PDB file of all heavy atoms in Angstrom:
ATOM      1  N   LYS A   1      17.836  30.036 118.125  1.00  0.00           N
ATOM      2  CA  LYS A   1      17.181  30.511 119.349  1.00  0.00           C
ATOM      3  C   LYS A   1      17.995  30.149 120.589  1.00  0.00           C
ATOM      4  O   LYS A   1      17.846  30.764 121.643  1.00  0.00           O
ATOM      5  CB  LYS A   1      15.766  29.936 119.448  1.00  0.00           C
ATOM      6  CG  LYS A   1      14.766  30.578 118.504  1.00  0.00           C
ATOM      7  CD  LYS A   1      13.373  30.077 118.797  1.00  0.00           C
ATOM      8  CE  LYS A   1      12.337  30.816 117.960  1.00  0.00           C
ATOM      9  NZ  LYS A   1      12.218  32.236 118.323  1.00  0.00           N
ATOM     10  N   ILE A   2      18.840  29.126 120.467  1.00  0.00           N
ATOM     11  CA  ILE A   2      19.668  28.691 121.589  1.00  0.00           C
ATOM     12  C   ILE A   2      21.052  29.311 121.515  1.00  0.00           C
ATOM     13  O   ILE A   2      21.564  29.845 122.496  1.00  0.00           O
ATOM     14  CB  ILE A   2      19.791  27.152 121.612  1.00  0.00           C
ATOM     15  CG1 ILE A   2      18.404  26.496 121.504  1.00  0.00           C
ATOM     16  CG2 ILE A   2      20.514  26.688 122.870  1.00  0.00           C
ATOM     17  CD1 ILE A   2      17.463  26.839 122.611  1.00  0.00           C
ATOM     18  N   PHE A   3      21.667  29.237 120.335  1.00  0.00           N
ATOM     19  CA  PHE A   3      23.026  29.740 120.140  1.00  0.00           C
ATOM     20  C   PHE A   3      22.973  31.022 119.322  1.00  0.00           C
ATOM     21  O   PHE A   3      22.637  30.996 118.134  1.00  0.00           O
ATOM     22  CB  PHE A   3      23.890  28.692 119.418  1.00  0.00           C
ATOM     23  CG  PHE A   3      23.956  27.365 120.129  1.00  0.00           C
ATOM     24  CD1 PHE A   3      23.200  26.290 119.696  1.00  0.00           C
ATOM     25  CD2 PHE A   3      24.768  27.198 121.237  1.00  0.00           C
ATOM     26  CE1 PHE A   3      23.249  25.066 120.340  1.00  0.00           C
ATOM     27  CE2 PHE A   3      24.833  25.975 121.897  1.00  0.00           C
ATOM     28  CZ  PHE A   3      24.067  24.907 121.448  1.00  0.00           C
ATOM     29  N   PRO A   4      23.287  32.169 119.926  1.00  0.00           N
ATOM     30  CA  PRO A   4      23.226  33.440 119.201  1.00  0.00           C
ATOM     31  C   PRO A   4      24.261  33.505 118.091  1.00  0.00           C
ATOM     32  O   PRO A   4      25.225  32.739 118.058  1.00  0.00           O
ATOM     33  CB  PRO A   4      23.522  34.484 120.295  1.00  0.00           C
ATOM     34  CG  PRO A   4      24.207  33.734 121.380  1.00  0.00           C
ATOM     35  CD  PRO A   4      23.694  32.336 121.332  1.00  0.00           C
ATOM     36  N   ARG A   5      24.038  34.420 117.162  1.00  0.00           N
ATOM     37  CA  ARG A   5      24.931  34.552 116.010  1.00  0.00           C
ATOM     38  C   ARG A   5      26.365  34.828 116.442  1.00  0.00           C
ATOM     39  O   ARG A   5      27.312  34.344 115.828  1.00  0.00           O
ATOM     40  CB  ARG A   5      24.421  35.682 115.102  1.00  0.00           C
ATOM     41  CG  ARG A   5      25.200  35.802 113.801  1.00  0.00           C
ATOM     42  CD  ARG A   5      24.741  36.994 112.991  1.00  0.00           C
ATOM     43  NE  ARG A   5      25.621  37.247 111.864  1.00  0.00           N
ATOM     44  CZ  ARG A   5      25.621  38.385 111.176  1.00  0.00           C
ATOM     45  NH1 ARG A   5      24.788  39.358 111.491  1.00  0.00           N
ATOM     46  NH2 ARG A   5      26.464  38.542 110.167  1.00  0.00           N
ATOM     47  N   LEU A   6      26.526  35.610 117.496  1.00  0.00           N
ATOM     48  CA  LEU A   6      27.866  35.912 118.005  1.00  0.00           C
ATOM     49  C   LEU A   6      28.594  34.630 118.400  1.00  0.00           C
ATOM     50  O   LEU A   6      29.768  34.442 118.078  1.00  0.00           O
ATOM     51  CB  LEU A   6      27.756  36.856 119.203  1.00  0.00           C
ATOM     52  CG  LEU A   6      29.052  37.244 119.911  1.00  0.00           C
ATOM     53  CD1 LEU A   6      29.019  38.714 120.306  1.00  0.00           C
ATOM     54  CD2 LEU A   6      29.275  36.402 121.159  1.00  0.00           C
ATOM     55  N   PHE A   7      27.906  33.739 119.094  1.00  0.00           N
ATOM     56  CA  PHE A   7      28.485  32.460 119.514  1.00  0.00           C
ATOM     57  C   PHE A   7      28.913  31.648 118.295  1.00  0.00           C
ATOM     58  O   PHE A   7      30.033  31.118 118.244  1.00  0.00           O
ATOM     59  CB  PHE A   7      27.456  31.695 120.346  1.00  0.00           C
ATOM     60  CG  PHE A   7      27.923  30.352 120.839  1.00  0.00           C
ATOM     61  CD1 PHE A   7      28.549  30.235 122.073  1.00  0.00           C
ATOM     62  CD2 PHE A   7      27.731  29.206 120.082  1.00  0.00           C
ATOM     63  CE1 PHE A   7      28.975  29.000 122.534  1.00  0.00           C
ATOM     64  CE2 PHE A   7      28.149  27.964 120.531  1.00  0.00           C
ATOM     65  CZ  PHE A   7      28.780  27.870 121.769  1.00  0.00           C
ATOM     66  N   ILE A   8      28.030  31.547 117.299  1.00  0.00           N
ATOM     67  CA  ILE A   8      28.320  30.748 116.100  1.00  0.00           C
ATOM     68  C   ILE A   8      29.521  31.317 115.342  1.00  0.00           C
ATOM     69  O   ILE A   8      30.420  30.569 114.930  1.00  0.00           O
ATOM     70  CB  ILE A   8      27.077  30.695 115.193  1.00  0.00           C
ATOM     71  CG1 ILE A   8      25.919  30.002 115.928  1.00  0.00           C
ATOM     72  CG2 ILE A   8      27.386  29.973 113.884  1.00  0.00           C
ATOM     73  CD1 ILE A   8      24.578  30.137 115.233  1.00  0.00           C
ATOM     74  N   SER A   9      29.546  32.637 115.168  1.00  0.00           N
ATOM     75  CA  SER A   9      30.643  33.274 114.416  1.00  0.00           C
ATOM     76  C   SER A   9      31.981  33.102 115.125  1.00  0.00           C
ATOM     77  O   SER A   9      32.998  32.831 114.481  1.00  0.00           O
ATOM     78  CB  SER A   9      30.345  34.767 114.218  1.00  0.00           C
ATOM     79  OG  SER A   9      29.175  34.945 113.456  1.00  0.00           O
ATOM     80  N   MET A  10      31.993  33.242 116.447  1.00  0.00           N
ATOM     81  CA  MET A  10      33.243  33.096 117.187  1.00  0.00           C
ATOM     82  C   MET A  10      33.715  31.646 117.195  1.00  0.00           C
ATOM     83  O   MET A  10      34.920  31.376 117.100  1.00  0.00           O
ATOM     84  CB  MET A  10      33.078  33.625 118.610  1.00  0.00           C
ATOM     85  CG  MET A  10      33.015  35.137 118.687  1.00  0.00           C
ATOM     86  SD  MET A  10      32.868  35.797 120.372  1.00  0.00           S
ATOM     87  CE  MET A  10      34.431  35.293 121.089  1.00  0.00           C
ATOM     88  N   ILE A  11      32.787  30.689 117.273  1.00  0.00           N
ATOM     89  CA  ILE A  11      33.164  29.277 117.211  1.00  0.00           C
ATOM     90  C   ILE A  11      33.768  28.953 115.848  1.00  0.00           C
ATOM     91  O   ILE A  11      34.797  28.257 115.741  1.00  0.00           O
ATOM     92  CB  ILE A  11      31.941  28.376 117.484  1.00  0.00           C
ATOM     93  CG1 ILE A  11      31.509  28.482 118.955  1.00  0.00           C
ATOM     94  CG2 ILE A  11      32.242  26.920 117.124  1.00  0.00           C
ATOM     95  CD1 ILE A  11      32.514  27.947 119.935  1.00  0.00           C
ATOM     96  N   ARG A  12      33.144  29.475 114.785  1.00  0.00           N
ATOM     97  CA  ARG A  12      33.667  29.236 113.435  1.00  0.00           C
ATOM     98  C   ARG A  12      35.069  29.832 113.297  1.00  0.00           C
ATOM     99  O   ARG A  12      35.972  29.191 112.731  1.00  0.00           O
ATOM    100  CB  ARG A  12      32.728  29.833 112.393  1.00  0.00           C
ATOM    101  CG  ARG A  12      33.173  29.563 110.946  1.00  0.00           C
ATOM    102  CD  ARG A  12      32.186  30.124 109.941  1.00  0.00           C
ATOM    103  NE  ARG A  12      30.923  29.419 110.000  1.00  0.00           N
ATOM    104  CZ  ARG A  12      29.784  29.958 110.401  1.00  0.00           C
ATOM    105  NH1 ARG A  12      29.761  31.233 110.792  1.00  0.00           N
ATOM    106  NH2 ARG A  12      28.665  29.266 110.429  1.00  0.00           N
ATOM    107  N   ALA A  13      35.250  31.059 113.802  1.00  0.00           N
ATOM    108  CA  ALA A  13      36.573  31.688 113.735  1.00  0.00           C
ATOM    109  C   ALA A  13      37.592  30.905 114.553  1.00  0.00           C
ATOM    110  O   ALA A  13      38.754  30.755 114.152  1.00  0.00           O
ATOM    111  CB  ALA A  13      36.487  33.133 114.236  1.00  0.00           C
ATOM    112  N   GLY A  14      37.171  30.379 115.718  1.00  0.00           N
ATOM    113  CA  GLY A  14      38.075  29.579 116.547  1.00  0.00           C
ATOM    114  C   GLY A  14      38.483  28.287 115.873  1.00  0.00           C
ATOM    115  O   GLY A  14      39.631  27.850 115.995  1.00  0.00           O
ATOM    116  N   GLU A  15      37.556  27.666 115.136  1.00  0.00           N
ATOM    117  CA  GLU A  15      37.883  26.449 114.388  1.00  0.00           C
ATOM    118  C   GLU A  15      38.886  26.737 113.272  1.00  0.00           C
ATOM    119  O   GLU A  15      39.835  25.974 113.052  1.00  0.00           O
ATOM    120  CB  GLU A  15      36.606  25.845 113.799  1.00  0.00           C
ATOM    121  CG  GLU A  15      35.671  25.249 114.831  1.00  0.00           C
ATOM    122  CD  GLU A  15      34.348  24.814 114.236  1.00  0.00           C
ATOM    123  OE1 GLU A  15      33.966  25.346 113.156  1.00  0.00           O
ATOM    124  OE2 GLU A  15      33.686  23.949 114.830  1.00  0.00           O
ATOM    125  N   GLU A  16      38.681  27.860 112.581  1.00  0.00           N
ATOM    126  CA  GLU A  16      39.569  28.204 111.463  1.00  0.00           C
ATOM    127  C   GLU A  16      40.963  28.595 111.937  1.00  0.00           C
ATOM    128  O   GLU A  16      41.962  28.301 111.280  1.00  0.00           O
ATOM    129  CB  GLU A  16      38.950  29.353 110.656  1.00  0.00           C
ATOM    130  CG  GLU A  16      37.669  28.950 109.915  1.00  0.00           C
ATOM    131  CD  GLU A  16      36.988  30.123 109.254  1.00  0.00           C
ATOM    132  OE1 GLU A  16      37.475  31.276 109.452  1.00  0.00           O
ATOM    133  OE2 GLU A  16      35.979  29.923 108.541  1.00  0.00           O
ATOM    134  N   SER A  17      41.044  29.242 113.110  1.00  0.00           N
ATOM    135  CA  SER A  17      42.338  29.681 113.625  1.00  0.00           C
ATOM    136  C   SER A  17      43.029  28.603 114.467  1.00  0.00           C
ATOM    137  O   SER A  17      44.202  28.739 114.818  1.00  0.00           O
ATOM    138  CB  SER A  17      42.171  30.951 114.473  1.00  0.00           C
ATOM    139  OG  SER A  17      41.375  30.672 115.622  1.00  0.00           O
ATOM    140  N   GLY A  18      42.298  27.558 114.815  1.00  0.00           N
ATOM    141  CA  GLY A  18      42.863  26.504 115.646  1.00  0.00           C
ATOM    142  C   GLY A  18      42.933  26.866 117.121  1.00  0.00           C
ATOM    143  O   GLY A  18      43.616  26.193 117.897  1.00  0.00           O
ATOM    144  N   ASP A  19      42.234  27.944 117.509  1.00  0.00           N
ATOM    145  CA  ASP A  19      42.269  28.399 118.906  1.00  0.00           C
ATOM    146  C   ASP A  19      40.872  28.325 119.501  1.00  0.00           C
ATOM    147  O   ASP A  19      40.345  29.304 120.036  1.00  0.00           O
ATOM    148  CB  ASP A  19      42.809  29.830 118.967  1.00  0.00           C
ATOM    149  CG  ASP A  19      42.983  30.328 120.399  1.00  0.00           C
ATOM    150  OD1 ASP A  19      43.199  29.485 121.291  1.00  0.00           O
ATOM    151  OD2 ASP A  19      42.870  31.542 120.632  1.00  0.00           O
ATOM    152  N   LEU A  20      40.237  27.170 119.408  1.00  0.00           N
ATOM    153  CA  LEU A  20      38.887  27.009 119.928  1.00  0.00           C
ATOM    154  C   LEU A  20      38.856  27.169 121.446  1.00  0.00           C
ATOM    155  O   LEU A  20      37.907  27.722 122.003  1.00  0.00           O
ATOM    156  CB  LEU A  20      38.327  25.646 119.536  1.00  0.00           C
ATOM    157  CG  LEU A  20      36.849  25.386 119.874  1.00  0.00           C
ATOM    158  CD1 LEU A  20      35.966  26.426 119.210  1.00  0.00           C
ATOM    159  CD2 LEU A  20      36.446  23.987 119.456  1.00  0.00           C
ATOM    160  N   GLU A  21      39.916  26.724 122.116  1.00  0.00           N
ATOM    161  CA  GLU A  21      39.985  26.851 123.576  1.00  0.00           C
ATOM    162  C   GLU A  21      39.934  28.311 123.995  1.00  0.00           C
ATOM    163  O   GLU A  21      39.161  28.702 124.873  1.00  0.00           O
ATOM    164  CB  GLU A  21      41.260  26.198 124.094  1.00  0.00           C
ATOM    165  CG  GLU A  21      41.460  26.345 125.597  1.00  0.00           C
ATOM    166  CD  GLU A  21      42.810  25.821 126.049  1.00  0.00           C
ATOM    167  OE1 GLU A  21      43.366  24.923 125.379  1.00  0.00           O
ATOM    168  OE2 GLU A  21      43.321  26.312 127.067  1.00  0.00           O
ATOM    169  N   GLY A  22      40.769  29.138 123.343  1.00  0.00           N
ATOM    170  CA  GLY A  22      40.787  30.572 123.666  1.00  0.00           C
ATOM    171  C   GLY A  22      39.475  31.241 123.322  1.00  0.00           C
ATOM    172  O   GLY A  22      39.003  32.129 124.060  1.00  0.00           O
ATOM    173  N   THR A  23      38.849  30.813 122.220  1.00  0.00           N
ATOM    174  CA  THR A  23      37.566  31.381 121.814  1.00  0.00           C
ATOM    175  C   THR A  23      36.485  31.086 122.840  1.00  0.00           C
ATOM    176  O   THR A  23      35.687  31.958 123.189  1.00  0.00           O
ATOM    177  CB  THR A  23      37.153  30.811 120.439  1.00  0.00           C
ATOM    178  OG1 THR A  23      38.132  31.172 119.468  1.00  0.00           O
ATOM    179  CG2 THR A  23      35.801  31.358 120.013  1.00  0.00           C
ATOM    180  N   LEU A  24      36.461  29.857 123.336  1.00  0.00           N
ATOM    181  CA  LEU A  24      35.473  29.487 124.348  1.00  0.00           C
ATOM    182  C   LEU A  24      35.683  30.264 125.643  1.00  0.00           C
ATOM    183  O   LEU A  24      34.718  30.641 126.323  1.00  0.00           O
ATOM    184  CB  LEU A  24      35.541  27.982 124.615  1.00  0.00           C
ATOM    185  CG  LEU A  24      34.984  27.093 123.490  1.00  0.00           C
ATOM    186  CD1 LEU A  24      35.361  25.640 123.726  1.00  0.00           C
ATOM    187  CD2 LEU A  24      33.473  27.241 123.396  1.00  0.00           C
ATOM    188  N   GLU A  25      36.937  30.519 125.999  1.00  0.00           N
ATOM    189  CA  GLU A  25      37.227  31.332 127.189  1.00  0.00           C
ATOM    190  C   GLU A  25      36.681  32.740 127.011  1.00  0.00           C
ATOM    191  O   GLU A  25      36.066  33.305 127.925  1.00  0.00           O
ATOM    192  CB  GLU A  25      38.745  31.383 127.429  1.00  0.00           C
ATOM    193  CG  GLU A  25      39.341  30.100 127.972  1.00  0.00           C
ATOM    194  CD  GLU A  25      39.024  29.904 129.449  1.00  0.00           C
ATOM    195  OE1 GLU A  25      38.467  30.815 130.075  1.00  0.00           O
ATOM    196  OE2 GLU A  25      39.334  28.808 129.961  1.00  0.00           O
ATOM    197  N   ARG A  26      36.905  33.320 125.822  1.00  0.00           N
ATOM    198  CA  ARG A  26      36.411  34.679 125.561  1.00  0.00           C
ATOM    199  C   ARG A  26      34.887  34.708 125.566  1.00  0.00           C
ATOM    200  O   ARG A  26      34.278  35.670 126.037  1.00  0.00           O
ATOM    201  CB  ARG A  26      36.965  35.185 124.224  1.00  0.00           C
ATOM    202  CG  ARG A  26      38.412  35.645 124.293  1.00  0.00           C
ATOM    203  CD  ARG A  26      38.851  36.335 123.017  1.00  0.00           C
ATOM    204  NE  ARG A  26      39.023  35.376 121.937  1.00  0.00           N
ATOM    205  CZ  ARG A  26      40.146  34.706 121.694  1.00  0.00           C
ATOM    206  NH1 ARG A  26      41.196  34.891 122.478  1.00  0.00           N
ATOM    207  NH2 ARG A  26      40.233  33.871 120.684  1.00  0.00           N
ATOM    208  N   LEU A  27      34.248  33.660 125.031  1.00  0.00           N
ATOM    209  CA  LEU A  27      32.786  33.600 125.045  1.00  0.00           C
ATOM    210  C   LEU A  27      32.255  33.539 126.473  1.00  0.00           C
ATOM    211  O   LEU A  27      31.274  34.219 126.812  1.00  0.00           O
ATOM    212  CB  LEU A  27      32.312  32.371 124.261  1.00  0.00           C
ATOM    213  CG  LEU A  27      32.214  32.527 122.748  1.00  0.00           C
ATOM    214  CD1 LEU A  27      32.016  31.167 122.075  1.00  0.00           C
ATOM    215  CD2 LEU A  27      31.075  33.469 122.368  1.00  0.00           C
ATOM    216  N   ALA A  28      32.897  32.720 127.309  1.00  0.00           N
ATOM    217  CA  ALA A  28      32.469  32.605 128.704  1.00  0.00           C
ATOM    218  C   ALA A  28      32.585  33.949 129.412  1.00  0.00           C
ATOM    219  O   ALA A  28      31.657  34.384 130.119  1.00  0.00           O
ATOM    220  CB  ALA A  28      33.304  31.545 129.418  1.00  0.00           C
TER     221      ALA A  28
END
């Protein structure tokens, strides 16, 4: 209810690719 599925999926992809910083920028 707080973190939408899109947020969770992109965070997981950012962790796997090692580009969490870029993922968070795209989410923002």
